[in-house]
Amino acid sequence: MSVGHGLSKRAVLLIAAVLLVIILGGGAVVLNARLADVHSPAQVVQEQFAAQAAGDIKTMWEDSTFNKGAGAQSSLFSRQALQAMMRNADNRRVSGLAITDVKTDGPGIAHVAIKYLFKGVAQSRTVDLQRDFGQRYYLLYPRWRVVVPAAQITIVVPPQRQLLAVDGMLVNDWSPGRVSVISGVHQVELQATPMLSANSQLVDATSGSAAVAFSAQLSSVARAAAGSAVVTNLQSCDPAKSEACLGHLYQAPRNGNVYYLVVPGAGDTPYTQYVNSLKGDPTAAMMVTVSNDPGIVLVHGACNTELVMDDSDTGQHRVFSHSGTFDGRLSWSISAFRTETFAYDC
C-alpha cells in the first residue's frame, strides 16, 4: 500500500502568489522601459517634428523652451508669435526625419542629432533638449522640452519713419538694426505711411541669423502729390516779373516800337504776341527719389514746350519747340508736398 503526499492548500496559494509577483515584476520592468522610451528625448523630437509639419501650435508650444536672449522683445517669443510665424507655409515644409544619434550631458540635458528635409533640401543639425523636473509623467518621468534657439535678423532700412513688423507683430525697438526672433522663416515688413508704401520681404532665419535690406518706396498717393507739386511749380509764375511764364499770353505794347524775344536757335525774333505752352505730361516719366532726409523727395524730369509767336505787323506766324529739364526738392506735409526748391528750363 502506498501513501500519497499532496500539497496543502496554503502551499499552493503561496506558490501562486510568488509566481504572480514574478510575472508582475517582469511586466513592470517592461512597462517602465516602454514608458521611458515614450518620454525619451528622441521621442519628444519626433513629436515636435510632426507637430511642426502639421502646424500643431499647441504641441510645439507646450513641448518647447524658447530662448530669446537678453534684451529681446518678449512678444516676439510668445505663443502668438509662434502662431503668426507658422502661418507661413515654409515653416511647415519639414519631412523625412531620421535620428542619427542621442547623447546626454548630465541628468538634465540631451542632444539629438537629426537629418531631415526642409523645403525639399537635405538638412542636418543637433536638437538640444532640457528636462523640466517640475513636470513629470506618472510622477516618475521628467518632461523633456526642445530648446528652440533665437535667431538674429540684421535689418538695413532707409532713415524714414516707418514701423517695423515681423509676421504682422510690431517691433517696439529696433534702433540697433537687429531683431531677435524665433528661429524660422519670417515675413519682415516696413509698414505703410501716408508718404511711403509698405515693403515686405521673406527672411529665412533657420540657420540662426539672416540679413535683409529695404529701400524706401513712395506710395501711389505721394507720387501723385509729387506730380501735382511739379505741375504747380511749372505753372506758378508772375507774368509781371517774367517773360517766360508757361501758358500766359504776352502782348507787345502798341506804341509804334518793335519788340523782340530771344529764342534759342533763332535769336531775336519780333512779335506782337506770343504764348509758351507746356506740351505733354512732364510727370509721366519723372524720377522721384526718396531722400535720406525724413519727409524729403527729390524730383527730376524732362519737359517740352511749344512757343507760338505772331507778328501782326509782318503777318509772320512761327512755332518753336523746346525740350528742357526740371529739378526740385519737395517736403511732405500731412497729405501733400511743399516746395523747398524748384528750377526748370522748359
Protein backbone atom coordinates (compact mmCIF):
# COMPACT_ATOMS: atom_id res chain seq x y z
CA MET A 1 0.00 0.00 0.00
CA SER A 2 1.35 3.35 -0.95
CA VAL A 3 0.84 6.65 0.78
CA GLY A 4 0.36 9.87 -1.35
CA HIS A 5 1.66 13.23 -0.23
CA GLY A 6 -0.23 16.23 -1.78
CA LEU A 7 0.49 19.96 -1.38
CA SER A 8 -1.55 21.73 1.17
CA LYS A 9 -3.92 24.47 0.08
CA ARG A 10 -1.79 27.03 1.86
CA ALA A 11 1.33 25.98 -0.04
CA VAL A 12 -0.47 26.23 -3.37
CA LEU A 13 -1.60 29.74 -2.61
CA LEU A 14 1.93 30.73 -1.58
CA ILE A 15 3.41 29.39 -4.83
CA ALA A 16 0.74 31.21 -6.85
CA ALA A 17 1.50 34.46 -5.06
CA VAL A 18 5.21 34.10 -5.77
CA LEU A 19 4.56 33.42 -9.45
CA LEU A 20 2.24 36.46 -9.64
CA VAL A 21 4.92 38.71 -8.14
CA ILE A 22 7.44 37.43 -10.64
CA ILE A 23 5.05 37.97 -13.53
CA LEU A 24 4.01 41.43 -12.37
CA GLY A 25 7.60 42.39 -11.67
CA GLY A 26 8.65 41.43 -15.15
CA GLY A 27 5.72 43.31 -16.61
CA ALA A 28 6.62 46.36 -14.58
CA VAL A 29 10.14 46.27 -15.94
CA VAL A 30 8.82 46.06 -19.49
CA LEU A 31 6.27 48.80 -18.84
CA ASN A 32 8.87 51.03 -17.24
CA ALA A 33 11.18 50.58 -20.23
CA ARG A 34 8.31 51.33 -22.57
CA LEU A 35 7.28 54.49 -20.74
CA ALA A 36 10.88 55.67 -20.50
CA ASP A 37 11.17 55.24 -24.26
CA VAL A 38 7.91 57.08 -24.92
CA HIS A 39 9.12 60.06 -22.90
CA SER A 40 12.71 59.97 -24.17
CA PRO A 41 14.48 62.87 -25.90
CA ALA A 42 14.30 61.07 -29.25
CA GLN A 43 10.55 60.58 -28.96
CA VAL A 44 9.99 64.21 -27.98
CA VAL A 45 11.97 65.35 -31.04
CA GLN A 46 9.84 63.10 -33.26
CA GLU A 47 6.65 64.51 -31.76
CA GLN A 48 7.90 68.08 -32.11
CA PHE A 49 8.89 67.46 -35.73
CA ALA A 50 5.46 66.00 -36.54
CA ALA A 51 3.77 68.93 -34.81
CA GLN A 52 5.76 71.41 -36.87
CA ALA A 53 4.83 69.66 -40.12
CA ALA A 54 1.16 69.70 -39.09
CA GLY A 55 1.19 73.26 -37.79
CA ASP A 56 0.20 71.98 -34.33
CA ILE A 57 0.88 75.12 -32.30
CA LYS A 58 -0.33 73.60 -29.02
CA THR A 59 2.21 70.75 -29.07
CA MET A 60 5.02 72.95 -30.35
CA TRP A 61 4.44 75.48 -27.60
CA GLU A 62 3.96 73.02 -24.73
CA ASP A 63 6.97 70.85 -25.63
CA SER A 64 9.43 73.69 -26.20
CA THR A 65 11.51 76.23 -24.36
CA PHE A 66 12.12 79.37 -26.40
CA ASN A 67 15.43 81.09 -25.71
CA LYS A 68 15.06 84.76 -26.51
CA GLY A 69 18.31 86.13 -25.14
CA ALA A 70 18.97 89.32 -23.20
CA GLY A 71 17.22 92.44 -24.40
CA ALA A 72 14.88 90.64 -26.80
CA GLN A 73 11.25 91.68 -27.15
CA SER A 74 9.14 89.18 -25.20
CA SER A 75 6.13 89.39 -27.52
CA LEU A 76 8.24 88.07 -30.41
CA PHE A 77 8.75 84.84 -28.43
CA SER A 78 5.16 84.42 -27.31
CA ARG A 79 2.64 81.78 -28.35
CA GLN A 80 1.05 84.44 -30.56
CA ALA A 81 4.40 85.00 -32.28
CA LEU A 82 4.81 81.25 -32.86
CA GLN A 83 1.33 81.06 -34.32
CA ALA A 84 1.99 84.04 -36.59
CA MET A 85 5.27 82.51 -37.78
CA MET A 86 3.66 79.14 -38.51
CA ARG A 87 1.10 80.74 -40.82
CA ASN A 88 3.95 80.84 -43.30
CA ALA A 89 3.79 77.51 -45.14
CA ASP A 90 7.59 77.32 -45.45
CA ASN A 91 7.84 76.65 -41.72
CA ARG A 92 5.69 73.53 -42.14
CA ARG A 93 7.69 72.11 -45.05
CA VAL A 94 9.68 69.59 -42.99
CA SER A 95 9.75 65.86 -43.70
CA GLY A 96 11.83 62.69 -43.69
CA LEU A 97 13.10 62.90 -40.11
CA ALA A 98 15.88 60.46 -39.18
CA ILE A 99 17.51 60.43 -35.75
CA THR A 100 21.19 59.59 -36.09
CA ASP A 101 22.48 59.98 -32.54
CA VAL A 102 21.37 60.74 -28.99
CA LYS A 103 23.72 61.99 -26.31
CA THR A 104 23.13 63.14 -22.75
CA ASP A 105 25.03 65.77 -20.89
CA GLY A 106 24.27 65.13 -17.24
CA PRO A 107 20.80 64.25 -15.94
CA GLY A 108 19.02 67.24 -17.45
CA ILE A 109 20.42 67.90 -20.94
CA ALA A 110 20.24 65.84 -24.13
CA HIS A 111 21.43 66.35 -27.69
CA VAL A 112 19.65 64.62 -30.57
CA ALA A 113 21.33 64.60 -33.97
CA ILE A 114 18.85 64.54 -36.85
CA LYS A 115 18.67 64.54 -40.62
CA TYR A 116 15.60 65.80 -42.46
CA LEU A 117 14.29 67.70 -45.47
CA PHE A 118 13.40 71.38 -45.26
CA LYS A 119 11.57 72.70 -48.31
CA GLY A 120 12.83 69.61 -50.11
CA VAL A 121 16.50 70.26 -49.29
CA ALA A 122 18.52 67.86 -47.12
CA GLN A 123 19.49 69.31 -43.74
CA SER A 124 21.26 68.07 -40.62
CA ARG A 125 21.55 69.59 -37.17
CA THR A 126 21.54 68.83 -33.47
CA VAL A 127 18.45 69.47 -31.37
CA ASP A 128 19.07 70.38 -27.74
CA LEU A 129 16.63 69.34 -25.03
CA GLN A 130 16.27 70.16 -21.33
CA ARG A 131 14.49 68.23 -18.64
CA ASP A 132 11.71 70.02 -16.81
CA PHE A 133 11.94 68.47 -13.36
CA GLY A 134 8.92 70.47 -12.28
CA GLN A 135 6.66 68.38 -14.52
CA ARG A 136 6.61 64.59 -14.57
CA TYR A 137 4.62 61.91 -16.32
CA TYR A 138 3.10 59.38 -13.91
CA LEU A 139 5.10 61.05 -11.13
CA LEU A 140 8.22 59.29 -12.42
CA TYR A 141 9.36 60.61 -15.78
CA PRO A 142 10.56 64.23 -16.02
CA ARG A 143 9.33 66.07 -19.07
CA TRP A 144 11.79 66.80 -21.86
CA ARG A 145 11.48 70.09 -23.72
CA VAL A 146 13.04 71.05 -27.05
CA VAL A 147 15.20 74.15 -26.71
CA VAL A 148 14.34 76.47 -29.60
CA PRO A 149 17.16 78.98 -30.13
CA ALA A 150 16.70 82.62 -31.03
CA ALA A 151 17.72 83.93 -34.43
CA GLN A 152 19.13 87.37 -35.18
CA ILE A 153 17.86 89.31 -38.21
CA THR A 154 20.02 92.25 -39.24
CA ILE A 155 17.83 94.89 -40.86
CA VAL A 156 19.06 97.76 -43.02
CA VAL A 157 16.43 100.41 -43.64
CA PRO A 158 16.33 103.95 -45.05
CA PRO A 159 16.22 106.74 -42.47
CA GLN A 160 12.47 107.22 -42.80
CA ARG A 161 9.91 106.93 -40.05
CA GLN A 162 8.26 103.58 -40.75
CA LEU A 163 7.08 100.98 -38.26
CA LEU A 164 8.65 97.53 -38.45
CA ALA A 165 6.68 94.29 -38.09
CA VAL A 166 7.72 90.63 -38.02
CA ASP A 167 4.96 88.25 -39.10
CA GLY A 168 2.49 91.08 -38.52
CA MET A 169 3.68 91.78 -34.96
CA LEU A 170 5.07 95.24 -34.29
CA VAL A 171 8.68 95.56 -33.19
CA ASN A 172 9.00 98.07 -30.39
CA ASP A 173 12.68 98.92 -30.60
CA TRP A 174 14.98 98.02 -33.46
CA SER A 175 17.28 101.05 -33.46
CA PRO A 176 20.44 98.91 -33.22
CA GLY A 177 19.46 97.34 -36.56
CA ARG A 178 18.95 93.81 -35.22
CA VAL A 179 15.84 91.95 -34.12
CA SER A 180 15.74 88.68 -32.15
CA VAL A 181 13.08 86.21 -33.31
CA ILE A 182 12.20 82.53 -33.04
CA SER A 183 14.37 80.51 -35.39
CA GLY A 184 12.40 80.04 -38.62
CA VAL A 185 11.17 81.77 -41.77
CA HIS A 186 9.69 85.22 -41.15
CA GLN A 187 7.84 87.93 -43.02
CA VAL A 188 9.61 91.21 -42.22
CA GLU A 189 7.71 94.34 -43.19
CA LEU A 190 8.15 98.08 -43.15
CA GLN A 191 4.60 99.29 -42.68
CA ALA A 192 3.00 101.92 -44.87
CA THR A 193 2.82 105.61 -44.03
CA PRO A 194 0.87 108.30 -45.91
CA MET A 195 4.06 109.04 -47.85
CA LEU A 196 5.70 105.61 -48.13
CA SER A 197 4.24 102.28 -49.21
CA ALA A 198 4.62 99.03 -47.29
CA ASN A 199 7.69 96.98 -48.11
CA SER A 200 7.83 93.30 -47.18
CA GLN A 201 10.41 90.55 -47.58
CA LEU A 202 10.53 86.88 -46.63
CA VAL A 203 13.58 86.11 -44.48
CA ASP A 204 14.96 82.63 -43.76
CA ALA A 205 16.49 82.72 -40.28
CA THR A 206 16.51 78.96 -39.69
CA SER A 207 20.32 78.96 -39.54
CA GLY A 208 20.30 81.36 -36.58
CA SER A 209 20.98 84.58 -38.46
CA ALA A 210 19.84 86.44 -41.55
CA ALA A 211 20.07 89.88 -43.11
CA VAL A 212 17.59 91.97 -45.06
CA ALA A 213 17.85 95.42 -46.65
CA PHE A 214 14.95 97.71 -47.52
CA SER A 215 14.69 100.74 -49.76
CA ALA A 216 12.10 103.47 -49.31
CA GLN A 217 9.22 103.20 -51.77
CA LEU A 218 6.93 106.12 -52.41
CA SER A 219 3.21 105.41 -52.13
CA SER A 220 0.97 105.96 -55.14
CA VAL A 221 -0.76 108.79 -53.28
CA ALA A 222 2.55 110.52 -52.55
CA ARG A 223 3.78 110.08 -56.12
CA ALA A 224 0.59 111.69 -57.43
CA ALA A 225 1.09 114.52 -54.93
CA ALA A 226 4.69 114.98 -56.14
CA GLY A 227 3.40 115.19 -59.71
CA SER A 228 0.85 117.82 -58.71
CA ALA A 229 3.58 119.82 -56.99
CA VAL A 230 5.74 119.72 -60.15
CA VAL A 231 2.89 120.89 -62.39
CA THR A 232 2.02 123.65 -59.93
CA ASN A 233 5.62 124.82 -59.89
CA LEU A 234 5.83 124.83 -63.68
CA GLN A 235 2.67 126.89 -63.92
CA SER A 236 3.33 129.20 -60.96
CA CYS A 237 4.81 132.35 -62.41
CA ASP A 238 4.24 136.09 -62.23
CA PRO A 239 3.96 137.47 -65.79
CA ALA A 240 4.77 140.93 -64.46
CA LYS A 241 8.18 139.68 -63.34
CA SER A 242 8.99 137.12 -66.01
CA GLU A 243 8.61 136.93 -69.77
CA ALA A 244 8.70 133.12 -69.73
CA CYS A 245 5.61 132.12 -67.75
CA LEU A 246 4.15 128.97 -69.27
CA GLY A 247 0.61 129.25 -70.61
CA HIS A 248 0.48 133.04 -70.40
CA LEU A 249 -0.31 135.14 -73.49
CA TYR A 250 2.13 138.04 -73.78
CA GLN A 251 1.26 141.03 -75.94
CA ALA A 252 3.62 143.77 -77.01
CA PRO A 253 2.59 147.37 -76.25
CA ARG A 254 1.12 149.06 -79.30
CA ASN A 255 3.32 152.14 -79.17
CA GLY A 256 4.98 152.00 -82.57
CA ASN A 257 8.06 150.14 -81.31
CA VAL A 258 9.15 146.68 -82.43
CA TYR A 259 9.54 144.13 -79.64
CA TYR A 260 11.78 141.10 -79.81
CA LEU A 261 12.05 137.86 -77.88
CA VAL A 262 15.31 135.94 -77.75
CA VAL A 263 14.50 132.44 -78.98
CA PRO A 264 17.13 129.67 -78.57
CA GLY A 265 18.41 128.76 -82.01
CA ALA A 266 16.61 131.65 -83.72
CA GLY A 267 17.96 134.72 -81.93
CA ASP A 268 15.96 137.95 -81.70
CA THR A 269 12.50 137.29 -83.06
CA PRO A 270 9.95 140.10 -83.47
CA TYR A 271 6.45 139.61 -82.11
CA THR A 272 3.25 141.34 -81.31
CA GLN A 273 2.13 138.43 -79.11
CA TYR A 274 3.35 135.01 -78.02
CA VAL A 275 2.50 132.14 -75.70
CA ASN A 276 4.79 129.38 -74.48
CA SER A 277 2.79 126.25 -73.56
CA LEU A 278 3.71 123.02 -71.83
CA LYS A 279 3.30 120.01 -74.12
CA GLY A 280 2.56 116.55 -72.79
CA ASP A 281 2.76 115.38 -69.19
CA PRO A 282 6.13 116.23 -67.63
CA THR A 283 5.40 113.93 -64.65
CA ALA A 284 4.76 110.77 -66.67
CA ALA A 285 8.41 109.68 -66.71
CA MET A 286 9.85 111.83 -63.95
CA MET A 287 12.20 110.34 -61.38
CA VAL A 288 11.21 110.64 -57.74
CA THR A 289 13.93 109.77 -55.24
CA VAL A 290 13.23 109.43 -51.53
CA SER A 291 15.95 111.40 -49.78
CA ASN A 292 17.83 110.30 -46.69
CA ASP A 293 16.28 113.35 -45.04
CA PRO A 294 12.93 112.37 -43.46
CA GLY A 295 9.93 113.54 -45.47
CA ILE A 296 12.02 114.80 -48.40
CA VAL A 297 11.87 113.67 -52.03
CA LEU A 298 13.89 114.84 -55.00
CA VAL A 299 12.22 115.15 -58.40
CA HIS A 300 13.84 115.29 -61.83
CA GLY A 301 12.36 115.03 -65.28
CA ALA A 302 12.09 116.28 -68.85
CA CYS A 303 9.68 118.95 -70.01
CA ASN A 304 8.67 120.01 -73.52
CA THR A 305 7.21 123.33 -74.55
CA GLU A 306 5.81 124.90 -77.72
CA LEU A 307 6.35 128.62 -78.32
CA VAL A 308 3.84 130.22 -80.71
CA MET A 309 4.76 133.73 -81.90
CA ASP A 310 2.71 136.08 -84.04
CA ASP A 311 3.77 139.35 -85.61
CA SER A 312 0.71 141.15 -86.92
CA ASP A 313 2.90 143.86 -88.47
CA THR A 314 4.58 141.38 -90.82
CA GLY A 315 1.96 138.61 -90.76
CA GLN A 316 4.51 136.10 -89.53
CA HIS A 317 3.38 133.05 -87.52
CA ARG A 318 6.14 130.98 -86.02
CA VAL A 319 6.20 127.86 -83.87
CA PHE A 320 9.25 126.75 -81.89
CA SER A 321 9.66 123.55 -79.89
CA HIS A 322 11.97 123.26 -76.92
CA SER A 323 13.00 120.48 -74.57
CA GLY A 324 14.46 121.03 -71.11
CA THR A 325 14.54 119.59 -67.62
CA PHE A 326 13.26 120.36 -64.16
CA ASP A 327 14.64 119.60 -60.70
CA GLY A 328 13.09 120.09 -57.30
CA ARG A 329 13.23 119.28 -53.62
CA LEU A 330 9.84 118.64 -52.03
CA SER A 331 8.87 118.25 -48.38
CA TRP A 332 5.96 116.08 -47.25
CA SER A 333 3.35 117.74 -45.06
CA ILE A 334 0.34 115.72 -43.88
CA SER A 335 -1.08 114.78 -47.29
CA ALA A 336 0.78 116.91 -49.84
CA PHE A 337 4.22 118.21 -50.76
CA ARG A 338 5.54 121.69 -50.11
CA THR A 339 8.24 123.02 -52.41
CA GLU A 340 11.62 123.80 -50.92
CA THR A 341 13.44 124.40 -54.19
CA PHE A 342 12.42 124.09 -57.84
CA ALA A 343 14.10 125.10 -61.10
CA TYR A 344 13.36 124.41 -64.76
CA ASP A 345 14.43 125.45 -68.24
CA CYS A 346 11.50 124.27 -70.30
